[in-house]
Every structure is written in structure tokens, then in C-alpha cells.
Amino acid sequence: MDFHKIVIATNLEEEEREILLQLREIKFPDEAQVHMIHAFELHTMNFDFLPALRLSKEDFATIERWGEDKLQNLAEELGLFPNPNLVMKCFVSSNPKQDFLSYADRHGADLIIAGSKVREGFEALFETSFTKFLHSYSRTNLLLLRPTRRP
């Protein structure tokens, strides 16, 4: 099965970087368009007794540029950069899971790649993982990478 539009979900955390490094062993087709995407989650809290802080357009652009620099570093580690078919995109969203999925659908992704964290104990009781969301709602083929086992 050939995949020509691949979207890689990243969260820019060290733990996931280690997981995504497994992609160095995968040879993508030369003509494949690879999108590396990160969505920063926007949290807003409005209290009647505190002024609400609002980010400016310049603040959003600065955050997105910082994220795209981090994506470029990761792409270099994965051996995907430089590549004319590589797209790196960061955006700020109040609903990053859904917006990521919308991005993948809008760009015609035929494969989504994401790292899967191991959840144990108390954290596992409140499973809201991104990969579980993708598994439940994506119509696209998924490649979920698990952490490598260490002795």
C-alpha cells in the first residue's frame, strides 16, 4: 500500500520525540508529501474579578514560529529535512484534536502517524489520549508508534 500524503502528529515533548525517532527506519516514497503538525492548545479562563488576557496576532505568530523551529529540528533528526515535499505547520487551537483531524482531512491525508504514550495507574483511569481520539474518529489509515522497550 502506497501512501502519498502523510501527516505526522507531534506534541514536541521529549518522550514523544523518542517515540517518533522510530520513523528513521521507515522509507517514505520519494513523491510522498509529509506534513509535520503540532497544535498548541489554547486555554482561556475568564473570571469576573480578573481581566482576561488576550494574545495578539503577533503573539500567535511568535508561538507558531517557535513551534515550527522545533518541528524543523525534529525533521532533521528524522532525516526528513531538507525535503521539498515536507510541510511543517504549527497552530494554536482551543480544540487541537479536532483541528488536527480537520487539517488531515482537508489535505487529503492517506496516513496519519502518531506516537502513543504508555499510561499507567491513576493517569490511565482518565484516558483522553490523542491516539485514542484518532482511533475513534479518523477515517484515515493510522500508524501508532509505541515507546521502545528498554531493558
N, C-alpha and C. Protein backbone atom coordinates (compact mmCIF):
# COMPACT_ATOMS: atom_id res chain seq x y z
N MET A 1 0.85 -1.18 0.00
CA MET A 1 0.00 0.00 0.00
C MET A 1 0.89 1.24 0.00
N ASP A 2 0.71 2.11 -0.99
CA ASP A 2 1.49 3.34 -1.06
C ASP A 2 0.73 4.48 -0.42
N PHE A 3 1.46 5.28 0.33
CA PHE A 3 0.88 6.45 0.96
C PHE A 3 1.57 7.67 0.38
N HIS A 4 0.77 8.61 -0.12
CA HIS A 4 1.33 9.78 -0.79
C HIS A 4 1.14 11.07 -0.02
N LYS A 5 0.21 11.07 0.94
CA LYS A 5 0.00 12.23 1.80
C LYS A 5 0.01 11.74 3.24
N ILE A 6 1.10 12.02 3.91
CA ILE A 6 1.33 11.50 5.26
C ILE A 6 1.34 12.68 6.23
N VAL A 7 0.58 12.55 7.30
CA VAL A 7 0.54 13.60 8.32
C VAL A 7 1.08 13.01 9.62
N ILE A 8 2.11 13.65 10.16
CA ILE A 8 2.72 13.20 11.40
C ILE A 8 2.30 14.16 12.51
N ALA A 9 1.65 13.60 13.53
CA ALA A 9 1.22 14.40 14.69
C ALA A 9 2.38 14.46 15.69
N THR A 10 2.66 15.65 16.17
CA THR A 10 3.73 15.80 17.16
C THR A 10 3.20 16.62 18.33
N ASN A 11 3.79 16.37 19.51
CA ASN A 11 3.44 17.23 20.64
C ASN A 11 4.66 17.95 21.21
N LEU A 12 5.81 17.78 20.59
CA LEU A 12 7.06 18.47 20.92
C LEU A 12 7.61 18.14 22.31
N GLU A 13 7.12 17.07 22.92
CA GLU A 13 7.66 16.63 24.21
C GLU A 13 8.78 15.63 23.96
N GLU A 14 9.72 15.59 24.89
CA GLU A 14 10.88 14.71 24.76
C GLU A 14 10.46 13.24 24.66
N GLU A 15 9.47 12.83 25.45
CA GLU A 15 9.01 11.44 25.42
C GLU A 15 8.51 11.05 24.03
N GLU A 16 7.75 11.94 23.40
CA GLU A 16 7.24 11.61 22.07
C GLU A 16 8.34 11.70 21.02
N ARG A 17 9.28 12.60 21.19
CA ARG A 17 10.41 12.68 20.26
C ARG A 17 11.12 11.34 20.19
N GLU A 18 11.33 10.73 21.35
CA GLU A 18 11.96 9.41 21.40
C GLU A 18 11.14 8.38 20.62
N ILE A 19 9.83 8.45 20.73
CA ILE A 19 8.95 7.52 20.02
C ILE A 19 9.03 7.75 18.52
N LEU A 20 8.96 9.02 18.11
CA LEU A 20 8.96 9.34 16.68
C LEU A 20 10.30 9.03 16.01
N LEU A 21 11.37 8.93 16.78
CA LEU A 21 12.67 8.61 16.18
C LEU A 21 12.64 7.24 15.50
N GLN A 22 11.64 6.41 15.82
CA GLN A 22 11.48 5.13 15.14
C GLN A 22 11.23 5.32 13.65
N LEU A 23 10.75 6.50 13.26
CA LEU A 23 10.46 6.77 11.86
C LEU A 23 11.72 6.80 10.99
N ARG A 24 12.89 6.91 11.61
CA ARG A 24 14.13 6.89 10.83
C ARG A 24 14.30 5.57 10.09
N GLU A 25 13.63 4.53 10.58
CA GLU A 25 13.74 3.20 9.97
C GLU A 25 12.75 3.00 8.82
N ILE A 26 11.86 3.97 8.61
CA ILE A 26 10.84 3.85 7.57
C ILE A 26 11.25 4.70 6.38
N LYS A 27 11.18 4.12 5.21
CA LYS A 27 11.48 4.86 3.97
C LYS A 27 10.16 5.29 3.34
N PHE A 28 9.92 6.59 3.35
CA PHE A 28 8.73 7.12 2.70
C PHE A 28 8.97 7.20 1.20
N PRO A 29 7.92 7.03 0.40
CA PRO A 29 8.09 7.20 -1.05
C PRO A 29 8.63 8.60 -1.37
N ASP A 30 9.51 8.70 -2.36
CA ASP A 30 10.13 9.98 -2.70
C ASP A 30 9.10 11.06 -3.03
N GLU A 31 7.99 10.65 -3.66
CA GLU A 31 6.98 11.64 -4.06
C GLU A 31 5.97 11.94 -2.95
N ALA A 32 6.10 11.27 -1.81
CA ALA A 32 5.14 11.46 -0.72
C ALA A 32 5.26 12.87 -0.14
N GLN A 33 4.12 13.48 0.09
CA GLN A 33 4.08 14.76 0.78
C GLN A 33 3.89 14.48 2.26
N VAL A 34 4.84 14.94 3.08
CA VAL A 34 4.82 14.68 4.51
C VAL A 34 4.54 15.98 5.25
N HIS A 35 3.51 15.96 6.09
CA HIS A 35 3.15 17.11 6.90
C HIS A 35 3.49 16.79 8.35
N MET A 36 4.30 17.62 8.98
CA MET A 36 4.55 17.50 10.42
C MET A 36 3.75 18.61 11.09
N ILE A 37 2.84 18.20 11.98
CA ILE A 37 1.88 19.14 12.54
C ILE A 37 1.95 19.13 14.06
N HIS A 38 1.87 20.32 14.63
CA HIS A 38 1.69 20.45 16.08
C HIS A 38 0.64 21.52 16.34
N ALA A 39 -0.29 21.20 17.23
CA ALA A 39 -1.32 22.17 17.61
C ALA A 39 -1.13 22.51 19.08
N PHE A 40 -0.84 23.77 19.36
CA PHE A 40 -0.77 24.25 20.74
C PHE A 40 -2.19 24.43 21.24
N GLU A 41 -2.46 23.96 22.44
CA GLU A 41 -3.81 24.10 23.00
C GLU A 41 -3.94 25.45 23.69
N LEU A 42 -4.96 26.17 23.30
CA LEU A 42 -5.24 27.49 23.86
C LEU A 42 -6.21 27.31 25.02
N HIS A 43 -5.80 27.73 26.19
CA HIS A 43 -6.67 27.69 27.37
C HIS A 43 -7.12 29.11 27.68
N THR A 44 -8.39 29.29 27.82
CA THR A 44 -8.89 30.61 28.21
C THR A 44 -9.69 30.46 29.49
N MET A 45 -9.44 31.38 30.38
CA MET A 45 -10.19 31.41 31.63
C MET A 45 -10.66 32.83 31.84
N ASN A 46 -11.93 32.98 31.96
CA ASN A 46 -12.49 34.30 32.21
C ASN A 46 -13.10 34.31 33.60
N PHE A 47 -12.60 35.20 34.40
CA PHE A 47 -13.15 35.39 35.73
C PHE A 47 -13.66 36.82 35.82
N ASP A 48 -14.77 36.98 36.47
CA ASP A 48 -15.34 38.31 36.59
C ASP A 48 -14.42 39.27 37.33
N PHE A 49 -13.62 38.75 38.24
CA PHE A 49 -12.80 39.64 39.07
C PHE A 49 -11.38 39.83 38.53
N LEU A 50 -11.02 39.15 37.45
CA LEU A 50 -9.70 39.31 36.85
C LEU A 50 -9.84 39.71 35.39
N PRO A 51 -8.97 40.59 34.93
CA PRO A 51 -9.02 40.90 33.50
C PRO A 51 -8.54 39.69 32.69
N ALA A 52 -9.21 39.42 31.60
CA ALA A 52 -8.81 38.31 30.73
C ALA A 52 -7.63 38.74 29.88
N LEU A 53 -6.64 37.90 29.78
CA LEU A 53 -5.50 38.19 28.93
C LEU A 53 -5.79 37.68 27.53
N ARG A 54 -5.51 38.50 26.56
CA ARG A 54 -5.73 38.14 25.16
C ARG A 54 -4.40 38.20 24.42
N LEU A 55 -4.14 37.15 23.67
CA LEU A 55 -2.93 37.15 22.86
C LEU A 55 -3.19 37.94 21.58
N SER A 56 -2.17 38.65 21.15
CA SER A 56 -2.28 39.41 19.90
C SER A 56 -1.93 38.50 18.73
N LYS A 57 -2.18 38.98 17.52
CA LYS A 57 -1.81 38.23 16.32
C LYS A 57 -0.30 37.99 16.28
N GLU A 58 0.46 38.97 16.74
CA GLU A 58 1.92 38.82 16.78
C GLU A 58 2.33 37.73 17.77
N ASP A 59 1.62 37.63 18.91
CA ASP A 59 1.91 36.58 19.89
C ASP A 59 1.66 35.21 19.28
N PHE A 60 0.54 35.06 18.59
CA PHE A 60 0.23 33.78 17.94
C PHE A 60 1.30 33.44 16.91
N ALA A 61 1.70 34.43 16.12
CA ALA A 61 2.72 34.19 15.08
C ALA A 61 4.05 33.80 15.72
N THR A 62 4.41 34.41 16.84
CA THR A 62 5.65 34.08 17.53
C THR A 62 5.61 32.64 18.05
N ILE A 63 4.50 32.26 18.64
CA ILE A 63 4.33 30.90 19.16
C ILE A 63 4.43 29.89 18.01
N GLU A 64 3.76 30.18 16.91
CA GLU A 64 3.77 29.26 15.76
C GLU A 64 5.17 29.15 15.16
N ARG A 65 5.90 30.26 15.05
CA ARG A 65 7.27 30.22 14.52
C ARG A 65 8.18 29.40 15.44
N TRP A 66 8.05 29.58 16.75
CA TRP A 66 8.85 28.81 17.70
C TRP A 66 8.58 27.31 17.51
N GLY A 67 7.29 26.94 17.39
CA GLY A 67 6.93 25.55 17.19
C GLY A 67 7.46 25.00 15.88
N GLU A 68 7.42 25.80 14.82
CA GLU A 68 7.93 25.34 13.52
C GLU A 68 9.44 25.17 13.55
N ASP A 69 10.14 25.97 14.34
CA ASP A 69 11.59 25.76 14.52
C ASP A 69 11.84 24.41 15.21
N LYS A 70 11.04 24.10 16.22
CA LYS A 70 11.16 22.80 16.91
C LYS A 70 10.83 21.66 15.96
N LEU A 71 9.82 21.84 15.12
CA LEU A 71 9.48 20.82 14.12
C LEU A 71 10.62 20.61 13.15
N GLN A 72 11.27 21.69 12.73
CA GLN A 72 12.39 21.55 11.81
C GLN A 72 13.52 20.75 12.46
N ASN A 73 13.81 21.02 13.73
CA ASN A 73 14.84 20.25 14.43
C ASN A 73 14.47 18.77 14.46
N LEU A 74 13.21 18.46 14.74
CA LEU A 74 12.76 17.07 14.77
C LEU A 74 12.85 16.45 13.38
N ALA A 75 12.44 17.20 12.36
CA ALA A 75 12.50 16.70 10.98
C ALA A 75 13.95 16.37 10.59
N GLU A 76 14.89 17.19 11.02
CA GLU A 76 16.31 16.92 10.75
C GLU A 76 16.74 15.62 11.43
N GLU A 77 16.32 15.43 12.69
CA GLU A 77 16.66 14.20 13.41
C GLU A 77 16.07 12.96 12.74
N LEU A 78 14.89 13.12 12.14
CA LEU A 78 14.22 12.00 11.48
C LEU A 78 14.74 11.77 10.07
N GLY A 79 15.57 12.67 9.57
CA GLY A 79 16.09 12.55 8.21
C GLY A 79 15.09 13.00 7.16
N LEU A 80 14.12 13.80 7.56
CA LEU A 80 13.09 14.28 6.62
C LEU A 80 13.39 15.68 6.08
N PHE A 81 14.38 16.35 6.62
CA PHE A 81 14.69 17.73 6.23
C PHE A 81 16.11 17.78 5.73
N PRO A 82 16.42 18.47 4.66
CA PRO A 82 15.52 19.23 3.80
C PRO A 82 14.82 18.32 2.79
N ASN A 83 13.61 18.66 2.50
CA ASN A 83 12.80 17.90 1.54
C ASN A 83 11.75 18.85 0.98
N PRO A 84 11.68 19.01 -0.34
CA PRO A 84 10.69 19.94 -0.91
C PRO A 84 9.25 19.49 -0.66
N ASN A 85 9.05 18.22 -0.32
CA ASN A 85 7.70 17.71 -0.07
C ASN A 85 7.34 17.71 1.41
N LEU A 86 8.14 18.38 2.24
CA LEU A 86 7.88 18.43 3.67
C LEU A 86 7.18 19.74 4.02
N VAL A 87 6.08 19.62 4.75
CA VAL A 87 5.33 20.79 5.23
C VAL A 87 5.35 20.74 6.75
N MET A 88 5.78 21.82 7.38
CA MET A 88 5.77 21.91 8.84
C MET A 88 4.80 23.00 9.25
N LYS A 89 3.87 22.65 10.11
CA LYS A 89 2.82 23.60 10.47
C LYS A 89 2.50 23.50 11.95
N CYS A 90 2.49 24.64 12.61
CA CYS A 90 2.04 24.76 13.99
C CYS A 90 0.88 25.75 14.01
N PHE A 91 -0.08 25.47 14.86
CA PHE A 91 -1.16 26.43 15.05
C PHE A 91 -1.66 26.36 16.47
N VAL A 92 -2.33 27.40 16.88
CA VAL A 92 -2.90 27.50 18.23
C VAL A 92 -4.38 27.24 18.10
N SER A 93 -4.91 26.37 18.98
CA SER A 93 -6.30 25.96 18.86
C SER A 93 -6.91 25.71 20.23
N SER A 94 -8.18 26.02 20.36
CA SER A 94 -8.90 25.69 21.59
C SER A 94 -9.38 24.23 21.55
N ASN A 95 -9.32 23.61 20.37
CA ASN A 95 -9.71 22.20 20.21
C ASN A 95 -8.68 21.51 19.30
N PRO A 96 -7.47 21.27 19.80
CA PRO A 96 -6.39 20.79 18.93
C PRO A 96 -6.63 19.42 18.33
N LYS A 97 -7.29 18.51 19.03
CA LYS A 97 -7.53 17.18 18.48
C LYS A 97 -8.40 17.27 17.23
N GLN A 98 -9.51 17.98 17.35
CA GLN A 98 -10.42 18.11 16.22
C GLN A 98 -9.80 18.92 15.08
N ASP A 99 -9.08 19.97 15.43
CA ASP A 99 -8.46 20.79 14.39
C ASP A 99 -7.36 20.03 13.66
N PHE A 100 -6.62 19.17 14.37
CA PHE A 100 -5.62 18.33 13.70
C PHE A 100 -6.31 17.41 12.71
N LEU A 101 -7.38 16.76 13.14
CA LEU A 101 -8.11 15.84 12.27
C LEU A 101 -8.68 16.59 11.06
N SER A 102 -9.19 17.78 11.27
CA SER A 102 -9.70 18.60 10.17
C SER A 102 -8.58 18.94 9.19
N TYR A 103 -7.40 19.26 9.71
CA TYR A 103 -6.24 19.55 8.86
C TYR A 103 -5.92 18.34 7.99
N ALA A 104 -5.85 17.16 8.62
CA ALA A 104 -5.53 15.93 7.88
C ALA A 104 -6.57 15.66 6.79
N ASP A 105 -7.84 15.82 7.11
CA ASP A 105 -8.91 15.62 6.12
C ASP A 105 -8.82 16.64 4.99
N ARG A 106 -8.60 17.90 5.35
CA ARG A 106 -8.54 18.98 4.36
C ARG A 106 -7.39 18.78 3.38
N HIS A 107 -6.29 18.18 3.84
CA HIS A 107 -5.13 17.96 2.98
C HIS A 107 -5.09 16.57 2.36
N GLY A 108 -6.16 15.81 2.53
CA GLY A 108 -6.28 14.52 1.86
C GLY A 108 -5.31 13.47 2.36
N ALA A 109 -5.02 13.47 3.65
CA ALA A 109 -4.07 12.50 4.21
C ALA A 109 -4.56 11.08 3.98
N ASP A 110 -3.64 10.20 3.56
CA ASP A 110 -3.99 8.79 3.47
C ASP A 110 -3.27 7.97 4.54
N LEU A 111 -2.46 8.65 5.38
CA LEU A 111 -1.84 8.00 6.53
C LEU A 111 -1.57 9.06 7.59
N ILE A 112 -1.96 8.77 8.82
CA ILE A 112 -1.63 9.61 9.97
C ILE A 112 -0.70 8.80 10.86
N ILE A 113 0.40 9.43 11.27
CA ILE A 113 1.35 8.80 12.17
C ILE A 113 1.36 9.57 13.48
N ALA A 114 1.28 8.85 14.59
CA ALA A 114 1.31 9.50 15.91
C ALA A 114 2.00 8.58 16.90
N GLY A 115 2.62 9.18 17.89
CA GLY A 115 3.24 8.43 18.97
C GLY A 115 2.22 8.17 20.06
N SER A 116 2.30 7.00 20.65
CA SER A 116 1.37 6.59 21.70
C SER A 116 2.13 6.47 23.01
N LYS A 117 1.67 7.14 24.04
CA LYS A 117 2.30 7.08 25.35
C LYS A 117 1.76 5.90 26.14
N VAL A 118 2.58 5.39 27.02
CA VAL A 118 2.12 4.35 27.94
C VAL A 118 1.50 5.04 29.14
N ARG A 119 0.25 4.71 29.40
CA ARG A 119 -0.44 5.31 30.54
C ARG A 119 -0.65 4.23 31.58
N GLU A 120 -0.27 4.54 32.79
CA GLU A 120 -0.38 3.57 33.87
C GLU A 120 -1.01 4.22 35.09
N GLY A 121 -1.50 3.38 35.97
CA GLY A 121 -2.00 3.84 37.26
C GLY A 121 -3.13 4.84 37.14
N PHE A 122 -3.07 5.88 37.97
CA PHE A 122 -4.12 6.88 38.06
C PHE A 122 -4.37 7.57 36.72
N GLU A 123 -3.28 7.86 35.99
CA GLU A 123 -3.39 8.54 34.69
C GLU A 123 -4.23 7.73 33.71
N ALA A 124 -4.13 6.40 33.77
CA ALA A 124 -4.86 5.54 32.85
C ALA A 124 -6.37 5.56 33.10
N LEU A 125 -6.77 5.93 34.31
CA LEU A 125 -8.20 5.99 34.62
C LEU A 125 -8.91 7.08 33.84
N PHE A 126 -8.19 8.13 33.51
CA PHE A 126 -8.78 9.27 32.83
C PHE A 126 -8.21 9.39 31.42
N GLU A 127 -8.31 8.33 30.68
CA GLU A 127 -7.76 8.23 29.33
C GLU A 127 -8.46 9.24 28.41
N THR A 128 -7.71 10.19 27.95
CA THR A 128 -8.20 11.14 26.96
C THR A 128 -7.16 11.31 25.87
N SER A 129 -6.45 10.26 25.58
CA SER A 129 -5.30 10.38 24.70
C SER A 129 -5.67 10.77 23.28
N PHE A 130 -4.71 11.41 22.65
CA PHE A 130 -4.85 11.83 21.27
C PHE A 130 -4.98 10.63 20.35
N THR A 131 -4.18 9.58 20.60
CA THR A 131 -4.24 8.40 19.74
C THR A 131 -5.59 7.69 19.87
N LYS A 132 -6.16 7.68 21.05
CA LYS A 132 -7.49 7.09 21.22
C LYS A 132 -8.52 7.90 20.42
N PHE A 133 -8.38 9.21 20.45
CA PHE A 133 -9.26 10.09 19.67
C PHE A 133 -9.12 9.79 18.18
N LEU A 134 -7.87 9.67 17.70
CA LEU A 134 -7.66 9.35 16.29
C LEU A 134 -8.28 8.02 15.93
N HIS A 135 -8.08 7.03 16.78
CA HIS A 135 -8.63 5.70 16.52
C HIS A 135 -10.15 5.74 16.45
N SER A 136 -10.76 6.57 17.26
CA SER A 136 -12.22 6.64 17.30
C SER A 136 -12.83 7.44 16.15
N TYR A 137 -12.14 8.51 15.73
CA TYR A 137 -12.79 9.45 14.81
C TYR A 137 -12.14 9.61 13.44
N SER A 138 -10.94 9.11 13.25
CA SER A 138 -10.28 9.28 11.95
C SER A 138 -10.77 8.25 10.95
N ARG A 139 -10.98 8.70 9.72
CA ARG A 139 -11.31 7.78 8.63
C ARG A 139 -10.06 7.39 7.84
N THR A 140 -8.92 7.92 8.29
CA THR A 140 -7.66 7.71 7.61
C THR A 140 -6.90 6.55 8.24
N ASN A 141 -6.05 5.89 7.45
CA ASN A 141 -5.17 4.85 7.99
C ASN A 141 -4.29 5.46 9.08
N LEU A 142 -4.05 4.68 10.13
CA LEU A 142 -3.24 5.15 11.26
C LEU A 142 -2.02 4.26 11.46
N LEU A 143 -0.91 4.89 11.78
CA LEU A 143 0.28 4.19 12.23
C LEU A 143 0.59 4.77 13.60
N LEU A 144 0.32 3.98 14.64
CA LEU A 144 0.55 4.43 16.01
C LEU A 144 1.84 3.79 16.51
N LEU A 145 2.78 4.62 16.87
CA LEU A 145 4.08 4.15 17.33
C LEU A 145 4.07 4.07 18.84
N ARG A 146 4.54 2.94 19.35
CA ARG A 146 4.62 2.75 20.79
C ARG A 146 6.05 3.03 21.26
N PRO A 147 6.20 3.36 22.52
CA PRO A 147 7.56 3.56 23.04
C PRO A 147 8.38 2.29 22.88
N THR A 148 9.65 2.45 22.59
CA THR A 148 10.53 1.29 22.50
C THR A 148 10.79 0.77 23.91
N ARG A 149 10.89 -0.52 24.01
CA ARG A 149 11.14 -1.13 25.32
C ARG A 149 12.62 -1.04 25.64
N ARG A 150 12.88 -0.71 26.87
CA ARG A 150 14.26 -0.65 27.33
C ARG A 150 14.50 -1.75 28.35
N PRO A 151 15.67 -2.40 28.29
CA PRO A 151 15.95 -3.48 29.24
C PRO A 151 16.06 -3.01 30.66
